[in-house]
């Protein structure tokens, strides 16, 4: 059976009719589709596709009418995913209970890799966010591609607290593979050189993996930050869906951690990708029967600035994402079809988002 045929079979199984209670009982949980018993607390496409989503939510038949609806009605119904600047910059506030718990299990070793090239402006903040976790069994590798700015000067100030290598490489994916090849951790992750981990993340993730040996991959919510570390948005994810990630990559890469055995099973990052390498890796994790869990916590900050890859390479990114869809779906769907397929996922996201804003859910 071809890959896209297997996917369609999965879609038929996952898409069967269910009652409303069954559809929404997982909103307060974060689990892998294959392991619904794990208890955990509870892109935007553009133009007509999003108006189509709003129309569907409001049961409005005419797309033209949906477009003309006032913003005060439409705005609360628009998914926040892929909105990078959602509001004016505000101070990044971290809850006091994000501090590592005294009884957190730290028996697992964690390997973190940071691929780096000409990010002297942000790299120190990235490195400090990892080192200041204070996790006792951490190994941290920074793989630099021979930066021409002050990146290496900044990195050398951290001395032997990081393992630094500077050499020519084949791009971000190659740098990640090179860095993680030196690691010995039970848990692995990579953090780009302009992003940050939030306080307590490593203790929280390690403790979860130790207490849930059946889970292979975890990820959490994302805080979007600007050049000055101010908060400008939040991505609040609903419980994990194996089906949803076949259409669009919603998983915030900087929040994702996985077991070494899974990494070795899939063979690392595919170096033929420059933009969608994380989505390709996620789908190959799924195809290797990995169990995912969305954790009920903000784990990392995704930085938005003018020189980042997400902003500069969106054209090539679309091509790479369509290449992934062609491989796993067997064709390239329209944006409207993607929106239609993800209607229930969007709805759960909005419930989580507005529940958090109103204080009903705590993350």
Protein backbone atom coordinates (compact mmCIF):
# COMPACT_ATOMS: atom_id res chain seq x y z
CA UNK A 1 0.00 0.00 0.00
CA UNK A 2 1.32 3.42 -0.95
CA UNK A 3 1.99 6.05 1.73
CA UNK A 4 -0.95 8.24 0.65
CA UNK A 5 -3.26 5.22 0.62
CA UNK A 6 -2.24 4.40 4.20
CA UNK A 7 -2.96 8.01 5.16
CA UNK A 8 -6.42 7.91 3.64
CA UNK A 9 -7.13 4.73 5.57
CA UNK A 10 -6.08 6.49 8.76
CA UNK A 11 -8.28 9.45 7.82
CA UNK A 12 -11.30 7.20 7.42
CA UNK A 13 -10.69 5.63 10.83
CA UNK A 14 -10.04 8.93 12.61
CA UNK A 15 -12.78 10.79 10.75
CA UNK A 16 -15.68 8.48 11.61
CA UNK A 17 -18.73 10.12 13.15
CA UNK A 18 -18.57 10.59 16.90
CA UNK A 19 -20.74 12.34 19.44
CA UNK A 20 -20.01 15.85 20.66
CA UNK A 21 -18.84 14.60 24.04
CA UNK A 22 -16.29 12.30 22.43
CA UNK A 23 -15.05 15.09 20.16
CA UNK A 24 -14.34 17.54 22.94
CA UNK A 25 -13.41 15.40 25.94
CA UNK A 26 -9.69 15.71 25.15
CA UNK A 27 -9.55 19.52 25.23
CA UNK A 28 -8.16 19.40 28.73
CA UNK A 29 -5.68 16.67 27.90
CA UNK A 30 -2.50 16.45 25.87
CA UNK A 31 -1.98 12.99 24.50
CA UNK A 32 -0.74 11.02 21.53
CA UNK A 33 -3.44 9.59 19.31
CA UNK A 34 -2.22 6.07 20.07
CA UNK A 35 -2.10 6.63 23.82
CA UNK A 36 -5.22 8.50 24.94
CA UNK A 37 -4.80 7.52 28.57
CA UNK A 38 -1.92 9.86 29.40
CA UNK A 39 -3.44 12.52 31.68
CA UNK A 40 -2.17 16.05 31.10
CA UNK A 41 -3.96 19.45 31.70
CA UNK A 42 -5.49 21.35 29.38
CA UNK A 43 -1.13 28.74 10.29
CA UNK A 44 -3.19 30.62 9.69
CA UNK A 45 -3.74 30.20 5.91
CA UNK A 46 -4.56 33.43 4.16
CA UNK A 47 -7.46 35.10 2.38
CA UNK A 48 -10.53 33.12 1.37
CA UNK A 49 -9.49 29.93 3.13
CA UNK A 50 -9.74 31.63 6.54
CA UNK A 51 -12.97 33.35 5.56
CA UNK A 52 -14.18 29.88 4.62
CA UNK A 53 -13.33 28.66 8.11
CA UNK A 54 -15.22 31.55 9.69
CA UNK A 55 -18.14 30.91 7.35
CA UNK A 56 -18.22 27.25 8.37
CA UNK A 57 -18.09 28.11 12.05
CA UNK A 58 -20.97 30.57 11.69
CA UNK A 59 -22.89 28.39 9.21
CA UNK A 60 -22.92 31.28 6.70
CA UNK A 61 -23.60 30.01 3.20
CA UNK A 62 -22.22 32.91 1.17
CA UNK A 63 -18.46 33.44 1.22
CA UNK A 64 -19.04 37.07 0.22
CA UNK A 65 -21.23 37.51 3.30
CA UNK A 66 -18.54 35.96 5.49
CA UNK A 67 -16.03 38.45 4.13
CA UNK A 68 -18.36 41.34 4.96
CA UNK A 69 -18.95 40.29 8.56
CA UNK A 70 -17.62 42.88 11.03
CA UNK A 71 -14.20 42.21 12.51
CA UNK A 72 -15.63 42.09 16.03
CA UNK A 73 -17.41 38.88 14.98
CA UNK A 74 -14.71 37.40 12.77
CA UNK A 75 -11.62 38.13 14.88
CA UNK A 76 -12.45 35.82 17.82
CA UNK A 77 -13.08 33.00 15.33
CA UNK A 78 -9.79 33.32 13.45
CA UNK A 79 -7.13 30.79 14.52
CA UNK A 80 -4.05 32.39 16.06
CA UNK A 81 -1.68 29.78 14.66
CA UNK A 82 0.76 31.29 12.17
CA UNK A 83 -0.05 34.79 13.39
CA UNK A 84 3.40 35.93 14.42
CA UNK A 85 2.48 39.43 15.63
CA UNK A 86 -0.82 39.21 17.47
CA UNK A 87 -0.62 42.31 19.68
CA UNK A 88 1.61 45.19 20.71
CA UNK A 89 4.82 44.20 22.55
CA UNK A 90 4.40 43.55 26.26
CA UNK A 91 6.68 42.39 29.04
CA UNK A 92 7.33 38.64 28.95
CA UNK A 93 5.90 37.40 32.24
CA UNK A 94 6.87 33.90 33.43
CA UNK A 95 4.70 32.33 36.18
CA UNK A 96 6.55 31.63 39.43
CA UNK A 97 5.43 28.02 39.33
CA UNK A 98 7.53 27.48 36.18
CA UNK A 99 10.54 27.13 38.47
CA UNK A 100 11.82 23.51 38.57
CA UNK A 101 9.92 21.35 41.04
CA UNK A 102 12.03 19.99 43.89
CA UNK A 103 10.81 16.47 43.20
CA UNK A 104 11.34 16.58 39.40
CA UNK A 105 12.98 13.43 38.04
CA UNK A 106 16.35 14.40 36.53
CA UNK A 107 17.65 10.89 35.86
CA UNK A 108 17.55 11.32 32.07
CA UNK A 109 20.40 13.03 30.24
CA UNK A 110 19.34 15.74 27.77
CA UNK A 111 21.26 16.75 24.63
CA UNK A 112 20.47 20.16 23.13
CA UNK A 113 21.97 21.36 19.85
CA UNK A 114 22.02 24.89 18.43
CA UNK A 115 22.89 25.43 14.75
CA UNK A 116 24.44 28.85 14.35
CA UNK A 117 25.43 31.27 11.61
CA UNK A 118 25.79 35.05 11.92
CA UNK A 119 23.39 35.45 14.82
CA UNK A 120 25.65 37.51 17.07
CA UNK A 121 22.76 39.75 18.01
CA UNK A 122 20.70 36.96 19.60
CA UNK A 123 22.98 33.96 20.22
CA UNK A 124 23.95 34.93 23.79
CA UNK A 125 20.29 35.06 24.83
CA UNK A 126 19.70 31.65 23.27
CA UNK A 127 22.68 30.07 25.03
CA UNK A 128 21.85 31.64 28.40
CA UNK A 129 18.28 30.38 28.18
CA UNK A 130 19.67 26.83 27.97
CA UNK A 131 22.44 27.10 30.55
CA UNK A 132 20.29 28.94 33.09
CA UNK A 133 17.90 26.00 33.15
CA UNK A 134 20.27 24.57 35.71
CA UNK A 135 19.52 21.05 34.57
CA UNK A 136 22.16 18.73 36.11
CA UNK A 137 22.46 16.23 33.24
CA UNK A 138 22.70 18.56 30.26
CA UNK A 139 25.08 18.47 27.32
CA UNK A 140 24.88 21.45 25.02
CA UNK A 141 26.43 21.61 21.54
CA UNK A 142 26.64 24.73 19.39
CA UNK A 143 27.47 24.01 15.75
CA UNK A 144 28.58 27.19 14.01
CA UNK A 145 29.03 27.39 10.23
CA UNK A 146 31.95 29.83 10.34
CA UNK A 147 30.14 33.04 11.25
CA UNK A 148 31.59 36.28 9.90
CA UNK A 149 30.01 38.57 12.51
CA UNK A 150 30.69 38.56 16.29
CA UNK A 151 28.94 35.22 16.90
CA UNK A 152 32.12 33.25 17.66
CA UNK A 153 33.41 35.96 19.97
CA UNK A 154 30.16 35.83 21.92
CA UNK A 155 30.13 32.05 22.06
CA UNK A 156 33.70 31.76 23.32
CA UNK A 157 32.75 33.81 26.36
CA UNK A 158 30.78 30.82 27.63
CA UNK A 159 33.97 28.75 27.83
CA UNK A 160 33.58 25.05 28.53
CA UNK A 161 29.93 25.43 29.53
CA UNK A 162 29.11 24.71 25.89
CA UNK A 163 30.70 22.39 23.33
CA UNK A 164 31.47 24.70 20.40
CA UNK A 165 32.45 23.62 16.91
CA UNK A 166 32.92 26.06 14.03
CA UNK A 167 33.28 24.60 10.55
CA UNK A 168 31.68 24.78 7.13
CA UNK A 169 28.52 22.70 6.86
CA UNK A 170 25.75 21.95 4.41
CA UNK A 171 23.12 24.15 6.05
CA UNK A 172 20.88 24.04 9.10
CA UNK A 173 19.86 20.39 8.76
CA UNK A 174 23.46 19.26 8.38
CA UNK A 175 24.48 21.37 11.39
CA UNK A 176 21.79 19.77 13.55
CA UNK A 177 22.89 16.28 12.51
CA UNK A 178 26.55 17.07 13.19
CA UNK A 179 25.84 18.50 16.62
CA UNK A 180 23.54 15.73 17.80
CA UNK A 181 25.95 13.08 16.52
CA UNK A 182 28.24 14.01 19.42
CA UNK A 183 25.52 13.75 22.05
CA UNK A 184 24.87 10.90 24.46
CA UNK A 185 21.56 12.10 25.88
CA UNK A 186 18.47 9.98 26.43
CA UNK A 187 16.38 12.98 25.29
CA UNK A 188 17.29 15.21 22.34
CA UNK A 189 16.30 18.60 20.97
CA UNK A 190 17.58 21.47 18.88
CA UNK A 191 17.07 25.17 19.51
CA UNK A 192 17.71 27.72 16.78
CA UNK A 193 20.18 30.50 17.49
CA UNK A 194 17.56 33.22 17.88
CA UNK A 195 14.99 31.33 19.99
CA UNK A 196 14.92 30.74 23.76
CA UNK A 197 13.83 28.09 26.25
CA UNK A 198 11.55 29.31 29.00
CA UNK A 199 12.62 28.77 32.63
CA UNK A 200 12.11 25.27 34.00
CA UNK A 201 11.51 23.66 30.61
CA UNK A 202 14.24 21.00 30.80
CA UNK A 203 13.25 19.82 34.29
CA UNK A 204 9.60 19.70 33.25
CA UNK A 205 10.27 17.76 30.04
CA UNK A 206 12.70 15.31 31.65
CA UNK A 207 10.26 14.60 34.47
CA UNK A 208 7.43 13.97 31.99
CA UNK A 209 9.52 11.53 29.93
CA UNK A 210 10.61 9.70 33.08
CA UNK A 211 7.01 9.34 34.25
CA UNK A 212 5.63 8.39 30.81
CA UNK A 213 7.96 5.81 29.26
CA UNK A 214 5.47 5.11 26.46
CA UNK A 215 5.76 8.63 25.03
CA UNK A 216 8.41 9.25 22.36
CA UNK A 217 7.91 12.93 21.40
CA UNK A 218 6.66 15.90 23.38
CA UNK A 219 6.02 19.53 22.53
CA UNK A 220 4.20 22.47 24.10
CA UNK A 221 2.79 25.91 23.58
CA UNK A 222 4.83 28.74 22.07
CA UNK A 223 5.32 32.36 23.10
CA UNK A 224 6.21 34.64 20.18
CA UNK A 225 8.80 37.27 21.12
CA UNK A 226 10.33 40.27 19.36
CA UNK A 227 13.92 41.49 19.06
CA UNK A 228 13.85 42.81 22.65
CA UNK A 229 12.43 39.63 24.24
CA UNK A 230 8.98 41.21 24.54
CA UNK A 231 5.92 39.05 24.06
CA UNK A 232 3.92 39.69 20.87
CA UNK A 233 1.80 36.53 20.61
CA UNK A 234 1.00 33.07 21.88
CA UNK A 235 0.33 29.81 20.08
CA UNK A 236 -1.85 27.55 22.20
CA UNK A 237 -2.10 24.09 20.72
CA UNK A 238 -4.98 21.65 21.20
CA UNK A 239 -4.24 18.01 22.11
CA UNK A 240 -2.04 16.25 19.58
CA UNK A 241 -3.53 15.00 16.32
CA UNK A 242 -1.60 12.60 14.10
CA UNK A 243 -4.08 13.43 11.35
CA UNK A 244 -3.61 17.21 11.51
CA UNK A 245 0.14 17.11 10.99
CA UNK A 246 -0.37 15.49 7.59
CA UNK A 247 -1.81 18.76 6.29
CA UNK A 248 0.16 21.50 8.06
CA UNK A 249 2.98 21.60 10.59
CA UNK A 250 1.56 23.11 13.77
CA UNK A 251 4.19 21.78 16.16
CA UNK A 252 6.48 24.58 17.44
CA UNK A 253 9.93 23.17 16.67
CA UNK A 254 11.67 24.98 19.52
CA UNK A 255 9.37 23.25 22.05
CA UNK A 256 9.88 19.71 20.72
CA UNK A 257 11.92 16.98 22.47
CA UNK A 258 12.26 13.29 21.56
CA UNK A 259 13.92 10.08 22.67
CA UNK A 260 17.30 9.15 21.26
CA UNK A 261 16.08 5.72 20.11
CA UNK A 262 13.51 7.37 17.84
CA UNK A 263 16.11 9.74 16.37
CA UNK A 264 18.38 6.83 15.55
CA UNK A 265 15.46 4.90 14.06
CA UNK A 266 14.55 7.61 11.53
CA UNK A 267 18.14 8.59 10.74
CA UNK A 268 18.15 12.25 11.79
CA UNK A 269 17.15 15.34 9.81
CA UNK A 270 16.84 15.14 6.02
CA UNK A 271 19.54 17.49 4.70
CA UNK A 272 17.67 18.04 1.43
CA UNK A 273 15.36 20.43 3.31
CA UNK A 274 16.25 24.03 4.12
CA UNK A 275 12.91 25.28 5.45
CA UNK A 276 10.52 22.40 6.27
CA UNK A 277 13.12 20.09 7.87
CA UNK A 278 11.25 20.00 11.18
CA UNK A 279 7.90 19.07 9.58
CA UNK A 280 9.56 16.31 7.57
CA UNK A 281 11.18 15.00 10.76
CA UNK A 282 7.85 15.09 12.62
CA UNK A 283 6.07 13.08 9.94
CA UNK A 284 8.87 10.54 9.81
CA UNK A 285 8.60 10.24 13.60
CA UNK A 286 4.90 9.52 13.17
CA UNK A 287 5.52 6.96 10.45
CA UNK A 288 7.96 5.23 12.84
CA UNK A 289 4.96 4.76 15.17
CA UNK A 290 6.12 7.41 17.65
CA UNK A 291 3.70 8.43 20.38
CA UNK A 292 3.30 12.18 20.72
CA UNK A 293 2.10 14.27 23.65
CA UNK A 294 1.30 17.97 23.64
CA UNK A 295 2.30 19.24 27.07
CA UNK A 296 0.09 21.82 28.86
CA UNK A 297 2.79 24.45 29.21
CA UNK A 298 4.64 27.17 27.32
CA UNK A 299 8.09 25.68 26.77
CA UNK A 300 9.96 28.13 24.54
CA UNK A 301 9.99 31.51 22.83
CA UNK A 302 10.02 31.88 19.05
CA UNK A 303 11.71 35.10 18.02
CA UNK A 304 10.38 37.23 15.15
CA UNK A 305 12.82 39.56 13.40
CA UNK A 306 13.50 40.76 9.89
CA UNK A 307 16.43 38.48 9.05
CA UNK A 308 14.99 35.16 10.20
CA UNK A 309 14.47 32.26 7.80
CA UNK A 310 10.70 32.13 8.41
CA UNK A 311 10.39 35.65 6.99
CA UNK A 312 13.01 35.50 4.24
CA UNK A 313 12.37 32.05 2.75
CA UNK A 314 8.60 31.75 2.71
CA UNK A 315 8.59 31.09 -1.06
CA UNK A 316 10.97 28.14 -0.90
CA UNK A 317 9.16 27.06 2.24
CA UNK A 318 5.90 26.68 0.33
CA UNK A 319 7.65 24.50 -2.22
CA UNK A 320 9.15 22.26 0.44
CA UNK A 321 5.85 21.96 2.29
CA UNK A 322 4.09 20.97 -0.93
CA UNK A 323 6.82 18.42 -1.53
CA UNK A 324 5.97 16.86 1.84
CA UNK A 325 2.25 16.88 1.09
CA UNK A 326 2.87 15.23 -2.27
CA UNK A 327 4.88 12.51 -0.58
CA UNK A 328 2.43 11.65 2.20
CA UNK A 329 -0.95 12.65 0.77
CA UNK A 330 -0.22 11.74 -2.84
CA UNK A 331 -1.17 15.21 -4.13
CA UNK A 332 -0.93 18.91 -3.24
CA UNK A 333 -4.23 20.12 -1.73
CA UNK A 334 -5.58 23.64 -2.04
CA UNK A 335 -5.46 25.97 0.94
CA UNK A 336 -9.23 25.75 1.21
CA UNK A 337 -9.12 21.96 1.39
CA UNK A 338 -6.47 22.14 4.10
CA UNK A 339 -8.71 24.49 6.07
CA UNK A 340 -11.71 22.21 5.62
CA UNK A 341 -9.78 19.13 6.73
CA UNK A 342 -8.54 20.95 9.83
CA UNK A 343 -11.86 22.47 10.84
CA UNK A 344 -12.20 20.44 14.06
CA UNK A 345 -8.53 21.00 14.93
CA UNK A 346 -8.99 24.77 14.49
CA UNK A 347 -12.09 24.67 16.67
CA UNK A 348 -10.27 22.86 19.49
CA UNK A 349 -7.43 25.37 19.19
CA UNK A 350 -9.87 28.28 19.59
CA UNK A 351 -11.41 26.64 22.66
CA UNK A 352 -7.96 26.27 24.21
CA UNK A 353 -6.95 29.80 23.21
CA UNK A 354 -10.03 31.58 24.51
CA UNK A 355 -10.12 29.33 27.57
CA UNK A 356 -6.59 30.45 28.43
CA UNK A 357 -7.38 34.12 27.82
CA UNK A 358 -10.39 33.93 30.14
CA UNK A 359 -8.54 32.03 32.85
CA UNK A 360 -10.44 28.78 32.41
CA UNK A 361 -7.27 26.86 31.53
CA UNK A 362 -3.87 27.28 33.15
CA UNK A 363 -0.73 26.55 31.16
